[in-house]
Amino acid sequence: MSYSHIFLREILTESQSIAAVGVSTNSIRPSHFVGRYLSQRGYRIIPVNPMYPDADLFGEPVRASLADIPAGETVDMVDIFRRSDQVLPVVEEAIDTLLSRGLKTIWMQIGVINPEAEALAEKAGLKVVMNRCPKIEHQRLFGELRKGGFNTGIISSKL
């Protein structure tokens, strides 16, 4: 699972709306932190979690499922915060409900790897990223990690 800087940067540049499946309303949970960060960077985050039917996050109502996102709304990326064994149904639903509305990418968070879901998404013409975090990749690729002194691997003085 090696992804080029160009591939990841392209996804993060072309995506404007991200459905975050499994996002939490608990502000100390990683899914909430990632959603908040991306929202603060101008992405529209559509929270998806059946556990929070009456909640709002990042200026959006929490949807119970991807199918509950209104028909006229575009979703560029589905970011999955679920266990690896729970990913396939999410990808199937994304393809069934969002592919015709501009879906381009399935992104599985750190520790989430499902080759069957990857193959299904790629067969549908989608880009797939597994075992990565869009927040971390955004910070790394768009210069924010450098502010903290981290070596991002993007610019090097070595030949």
C-alpha atoms as a PDB file:
ATOM      1  CA  MET A   1       0.000   0.000   0.000  1.00  0.00           C
ATOM      2  CA  SER A   2       2.327   2.613  -1.248  1.00  0.00           C
ATOM      3  CA  TYR A   3       0.739   5.753  -2.630  1.00  0.00           C
ATOM      4  CA  SER A   4       2.606   8.467  -4.466  1.00  0.00           C
ATOM      5  CA  HIS A   5       2.580  12.033  -3.205  1.00  0.00           C
ATOM      6  CA  ILE A   6       1.015  13.033  -6.517  1.00  0.00           C
ATOM      7  CA  PHE A   7      -1.834  10.504  -6.156  1.00  0.00           C
ATOM      8  CA  LEU A   8      -2.674  11.563  -2.587  1.00  0.00           C
ATOM      9  CA  ARG A   9      -2.342  15.284  -3.338  1.00  0.00           C
ATOM     10  CA  GLU A  10      -4.640  14.884  -6.352  1.00  0.00           C
ATOM     11  CA  ILE A  11      -7.315  13.223  -4.213  1.00  0.00           C
ATOM     12  CA  LEU A  12      -7.082  15.870  -1.493  1.00  0.00           C
ATOM     13  CA  THR A  13      -7.148  18.670  -4.060  1.00  0.00           C
ATOM     14  CA  GLU A  14     -10.079  17.402  -6.114  1.00  0.00           C
ATOM     15  CA  SER A  15     -12.235  16.405  -3.142  1.00  0.00           C
ATOM     16  CA  GLN A  16     -14.492  19.105  -1.764  1.00  0.00           C
ATOM     17  CA  SER A  17     -17.144  17.049   0.037  1.00  0.00           C
ATOM     18  CA  ILE A  18     -16.306  14.080   2.233  1.00  0.00           C
ATOM     19  CA  ALA A  19     -18.762  11.664   3.831  1.00  0.00           C
ATOM     20  CA  ALA A  20     -17.155  10.567   7.105  1.00  0.00           C
ATOM     21  CA  VAL A  21     -18.620   7.149   7.933  1.00  0.00           C
ATOM     22  CA  GLY A  22     -18.310   6.293  11.617  1.00  0.00           C
ATOM     23  CA  VAL A  23     -17.475   9.814  12.775  1.00  0.00           C
ATOM     24  CA  SER A  24     -18.019  10.437  16.489  1.00  0.00           C
ATOM     25  CA  THR A  25     -19.618  13.361  18.290  1.00  0.00           C
ATOM     26  CA  ASN A  26     -17.029  12.871  21.054  1.00  0.00           C
ATOM     27  CA  SER A  27     -14.441  15.600  20.453  1.00  0.00           C
ATOM     28  CA  ILE A  28     -11.533  13.494  21.742  1.00  0.00           C
ATOM     29  CA  ARG A  29     -12.149  10.621  19.323  1.00  0.00           C
ATOM     30  CA  PRO A  30      -9.807  10.518  16.303  1.00  0.00           C
ATOM     31  CA  SER A  31     -12.725  10.492  13.837  1.00  0.00           C
ATOM     32  CA  HIS A  32     -14.065  13.739  15.300  1.00  0.00           C
ATOM     33  CA  PHE A  33     -10.643  15.345  15.303  1.00  0.00           C
ATOM     34  CA  VAL A  34     -10.062  14.385  11.654  1.00  0.00           C
ATOM     35  CA  GLY A  35     -13.486  15.663  10.594  1.00  0.00           C
ATOM     36  CA  ARG A  36     -13.002  18.936  12.439  1.00  0.00           C
ATOM     37  CA  TYR A  37      -9.533  19.463  10.960  1.00  0.00           C
ATOM     38  CA  LEU A  38     -10.728  18.834   7.395  1.00  0.00           C
ATOM     39  CA  SER A  39     -13.763  21.044   7.938  1.00  0.00           C
ATOM     40  CA  GLN A  40     -11.497  23.856   9.120  1.00  0.00           C
ATOM     41  CA  ARG A  41      -9.482  23.450   5.909  1.00  0.00           C
ATOM     42  CA  GLY A  42     -12.517  24.103   3.715  1.00  0.00           C
ATOM     43  CA  TYR A  43     -13.792  20.603   3.057  1.00  0.00           C
ATOM     44  CA  ARG A  44     -17.495  19.952   3.497  1.00  0.00           C
ATOM     45  CA  ILE A  45     -17.732  17.062   5.946  1.00  0.00           C
ATOM     46  CA  ILE A  46     -20.944  15.054   5.859  1.00  0.00           C
ATOM     47  CA  PRO A  47     -21.059  13.054   9.108  1.00  0.00           C
ATOM     48  CA  VAL A  48     -22.513   9.540   8.846  1.00  0.00           C
ATOM     49  CA  ASN A  49     -23.254   7.524  11.973  1.00  0.00           C
ATOM     50  CA  PRO A  50     -26.570   5.902  12.973  1.00  0.00           C
ATOM     51  CA  MET A  51     -25.669   6.337  16.663  1.00  0.00           C
ATOM     52  CA  TYR A  52     -26.271  10.105  16.547  1.00  0.00           C
ATOM     53  CA  PRO A  53     -29.583  10.668  14.709  1.00  0.00           C
ATOM     54  CA  ASP A  54     -30.303  14.133  16.133  1.00  0.00           C
ATOM     55  CA  ALA A  55     -26.786  15.555  16.186  1.00  0.00           C
ATOM     56  CA  ASP A  56     -25.056  18.161  14.064  1.00  0.00           C
ATOM     57  CA  LEU A  57     -21.319  18.098  13.410  1.00  0.00           C
ATOM     58  CA  PHE A  58     -19.197  20.547  11.447  1.00  0.00           C
ATOM     59  CA  GLY A  59     -22.309  22.498  10.425  1.00  0.00           C
ATOM     60  CA  GLU A  60     -24.057  19.419   8.986  1.00  0.00           C
ATOM     61  CA  PRO A  61     -26.729  17.055  10.309  1.00  0.00           C
ATOM     62  CA  VAL A  62     -25.435  13.571  11.081  1.00  0.00           C
ATOM     63  CA  ARG A  63     -26.854  11.074   8.578  1.00  0.00           C
ATOM     64  CA  ALA A  64     -27.685   7.507   9.594  1.00  0.00           C
ATOM     65  CA  SER A  65     -26.272   6.090   6.345  1.00  0.00           C
ATOM     66  CA  LEU A  66     -24.835   7.152   3.020  1.00  0.00           C
ATOM     67  CA  ALA A  67     -28.274   6.540   1.503  1.00  0.00           C
ATOM     68  CA  ASP A  68     -29.651   9.297   3.768  1.00  0.00           C
ATOM     69  CA  ILE A  69     -27.543  11.972   2.088  1.00  0.00           C
ATOM     70  CA  PRO A  70     -30.052  13.962  -0.005  1.00  0.00           C
ATOM     71  CA  ALA A  71     -30.111  13.074  -3.697  1.00  0.00           C
ATOM     72  CA  GLY A  72     -28.914  16.448  -4.982  1.00  0.00           C
ATOM     73  CA  GLU A  73     -25.760  16.513  -2.871  1.00  0.00           C
ATOM     74  CA  THR A  74     -22.380  15.608  -4.331  1.00  0.00           C
ATOM     75  CA  VAL A  75     -19.948  13.458  -2.360  1.00  0.00           C
ATOM     76  CA  ASP A  76     -16.392  13.298  -3.708  1.00  0.00           C
ATOM     77  CA  MET A  77     -14.898  10.984  -1.086  1.00  0.00           C
ATOM     78  CA  VAL A  78     -16.081   8.491   1.498  1.00  0.00           C
ATOM     79  CA  ASP A  79     -13.716   8.379   4.494  1.00  0.00           C
ATOM     80  CA  ILE A  80     -14.302   5.181   6.487  1.00  0.00           C
ATOM     81  CA  PHE A  81     -13.777   5.013  10.261  1.00  0.00           C
ATOM     82  CA  ARG A  82     -14.925   1.413  10.690  1.00  0.00           C
ATOM     83  CA  ARG A  83     -13.212  -1.891  11.391  1.00  0.00           C
ATOM     84  CA  SER A  84     -11.762  -3.639   8.356  1.00  0.00           C
ATOM     85  CA  ASP A  85     -14.405  -6.385   8.494  1.00  0.00           C
ATOM     86  CA  GLN A  86     -17.178  -3.748   8.320  1.00  0.00           C
ATOM     87  CA  VAL A  87     -15.885  -1.894   5.243  1.00  0.00           C
ATOM     88  CA  LEU A  88     -17.355  -3.948   2.399  1.00  0.00           C
ATOM     89  CA  PRO A  89     -21.015  -3.013   3.077  1.00  0.00           C
ATOM     90  CA  VAL A  90     -20.013   0.660   3.323  1.00  0.00           C
ATOM     91  CA  VAL A  91     -18.263   0.489  -0.056  1.00  0.00           C
ATOM     92  CA  GLU A  92     -21.231  -1.346  -1.596  1.00  0.00           C
ATOM     93  CA  GLU A  93     -23.610   1.337  -0.306  1.00  0.00           C
ATOM     94  CA  ALA A  94     -21.287   4.100  -1.533  1.00  0.00           C
ATOM     95  CA  ILE A  95     -21.214   2.614  -5.023  1.00  0.00           C
ATOM     96  CA  ASP A  96     -24.993   2.068  -5.069  1.00  0.00           C
ATOM     97  CA  THR A  97     -25.938   5.528  -3.806  1.00  0.00           C
ATOM     98  CA  LEU A  98     -23.081   7.929  -4.564  1.00  0.00           C
ATOM     99  CA  LEU A  99     -21.294   6.767  -7.711  1.00  0.00           C
ATOM    100  CA  SER A 100     -23.820   8.518  -9.941  1.00  0.00           C
ATOM    101  CA  ARG A 101     -23.347  11.718  -7.896  1.00  0.00           C
ATOM    102  CA  GLY A 102     -19.659  12.189  -8.539  1.00  0.00           C
ATOM    103  CA  LEU A 103     -18.017   9.880  -6.001  1.00  0.00           C
ATOM    104  CA  LYS A 104     -14.329   9.571  -6.879  1.00  0.00           C
ATOM    105  CA  THR A 105     -12.560   8.079  -3.857  1.00  0.00           C
ATOM    106  CA  ILE A 106     -12.910   5.520  -1.087  1.00  0.00           C
ATOM    107  CA  TRP A 107     -10.501   6.273   1.763  1.00  0.00           C
ATOM    108  CA  MET A 108      -9.958   3.812   4.632  1.00  0.00           C
ATOM    109  CA  GLN A 109      -8.413   5.154   7.799  1.00  0.00           C
ATOM    110  CA  ILE A 110      -5.214   4.015   9.511  1.00  0.00           C
ATOM    111  CA  GLY A 111      -5.502   0.329  10.397  1.00  0.00           C
ATOM    112  CA  VAL A 112      -8.408  -0.208   7.993  1.00  0.00           C
ATOM    113  CA  ILE A 113      -7.505  -2.624   5.209  1.00  0.00           C
ATOM    114  CA  ASN A 114      -9.985  -4.581   3.111  1.00  0.00           C
ATOM    115  CA  PRO A 115      -8.686  -5.916  -0.232  1.00  0.00           C
ATOM    116  CA  GLU A 116     -12.147  -7.159  -1.270  1.00  0.00           C
ATOM    117  CA  ALA A 117     -13.646  -3.687  -0.788  1.00  0.00           C
ATOM    118  CA  GLU A 118     -10.636  -2.183  -2.568  1.00  0.00           C
ATOM    119  CA  ALA A 119     -11.150  -4.447  -5.591  1.00  0.00           C
ATOM    120  CA  LEU A 120     -14.885  -3.676  -5.715  1.00  0.00           C
ATOM    121  CA  ALA A 121     -14.279   0.077  -5.564  1.00  0.00           C
ATOM    122  CA  GLU A 122     -11.538  -0.026  -8.191  1.00  0.00           C
ATOM    123  CA  LYS A 123     -13.780  -2.125 -10.467  1.00  0.00           C
ATOM    124  CA  ALA A 124     -16.369   0.671 -10.143  1.00  0.00           C
ATOM    125  CA  GLY A 125     -13.708   3.162 -11.297  1.00  0.00           C
ATOM    126  CA  LEU A 126     -12.953   4.679  -7.893  1.00  0.00           C
ATOM    127  CA  LYS A 127      -9.601   5.602  -6.416  1.00  0.00           C
ATOM    128  CA  VAL A 128      -8.843   3.766  -3.189  1.00  0.00           C
ATOM    129  CA  VAL A 129      -6.581   4.585  -0.263  1.00  0.00           C
ATOM    130  CA  MET A 130      -6.191   2.166   2.657  1.00  0.00           C
ATOM    131  CA  ASN A 131      -4.436   2.433   6.000  1.00  0.00           C
ATOM    132  CA  ARG A 132      -3.899   6.201   5.756  1.00  0.00           C
ATOM    133  CA  CYS A 133      -5.433   9.290   7.361  1.00  0.00           C
ATOM    134  CA  PRO A 134      -6.467  12.224   5.157  1.00  0.00           C
ATOM    135  CA  LYS A 135      -5.697  14.658   7.999  1.00  0.00           C
ATOM    136  CA  ILE A 136      -2.136  13.403   8.335  1.00  0.00           C
ATOM    137  CA  GLU A 137      -1.648  13.279   4.573  1.00  0.00           C
ATOM    138  CA  HIS A 138      -3.082  16.792   4.187  1.00  0.00           C
ATOM    139  CA  GLN A 139      -0.710  18.118   6.849  1.00  0.00           C
ATOM    140  CA  ARG A 140       2.236  16.308   5.289  1.00  0.00           C
ATOM    141  CA  LEU A 141       1.526  17.250   1.678  1.00  0.00           C
ATOM    142  CA  PHE A 142       0.400  20.831   2.211  1.00  0.00           C
ATOM    143  CA  GLY A 143       3.158  21.961   4.557  1.00  0.00           C
ATOM    144  CA  GLU A 144       1.566  21.935   7.998  1.00  0.00           C
ATOM    145  CA  LEU A 145       3.799  19.252   9.484  1.00  0.00           C
ATOM    146  CA  ARG A 146       6.867  21.305   8.623  1.00  0.00           C
ATOM    147  CA  LYS A 147       5.634  23.959  11.058  1.00  0.00           C
ATOM    148  CA  GLY A 148       6.179  21.411  13.823  1.00  0.00           C
ATOM    149  CA  GLY A 149       9.626  20.432  12.572  1.00  0.00           C
ATOM    150  CA  PHE A 150       8.598  17.087  11.112  1.00  0.00           C
ATOM    151  CA  ASN A 151      10.364  15.648   8.098  1.00  0.00           C
ATOM    152  CA  THR A 152       7.578  15.142   5.566  1.00  0.00           C
ATOM    153  CA  GLY A 153       9.696  13.434   2.953  1.00  0.00           C
ATOM    154  CA  ILE A 154       8.443  15.811   0.285  1.00  0.00           C
ATOM    155  CA  ILE A 155      11.508  18.050  -0.023  1.00  0.00           C
ATOM    156  CA  SER A 156      14.977  16.762   0.516  1.00  0.00           C
ATOM    157  CA  SER A 157      18.512  18.034   0.053  1.00  0.00           C
ATOM    158  CA  LYS A 158      19.615  14.487  -0.697  1.00  0.00           C
ATOM    159  CA  LEU A 159      20.047  13.402  -4.297  1.00  0.00           C
END
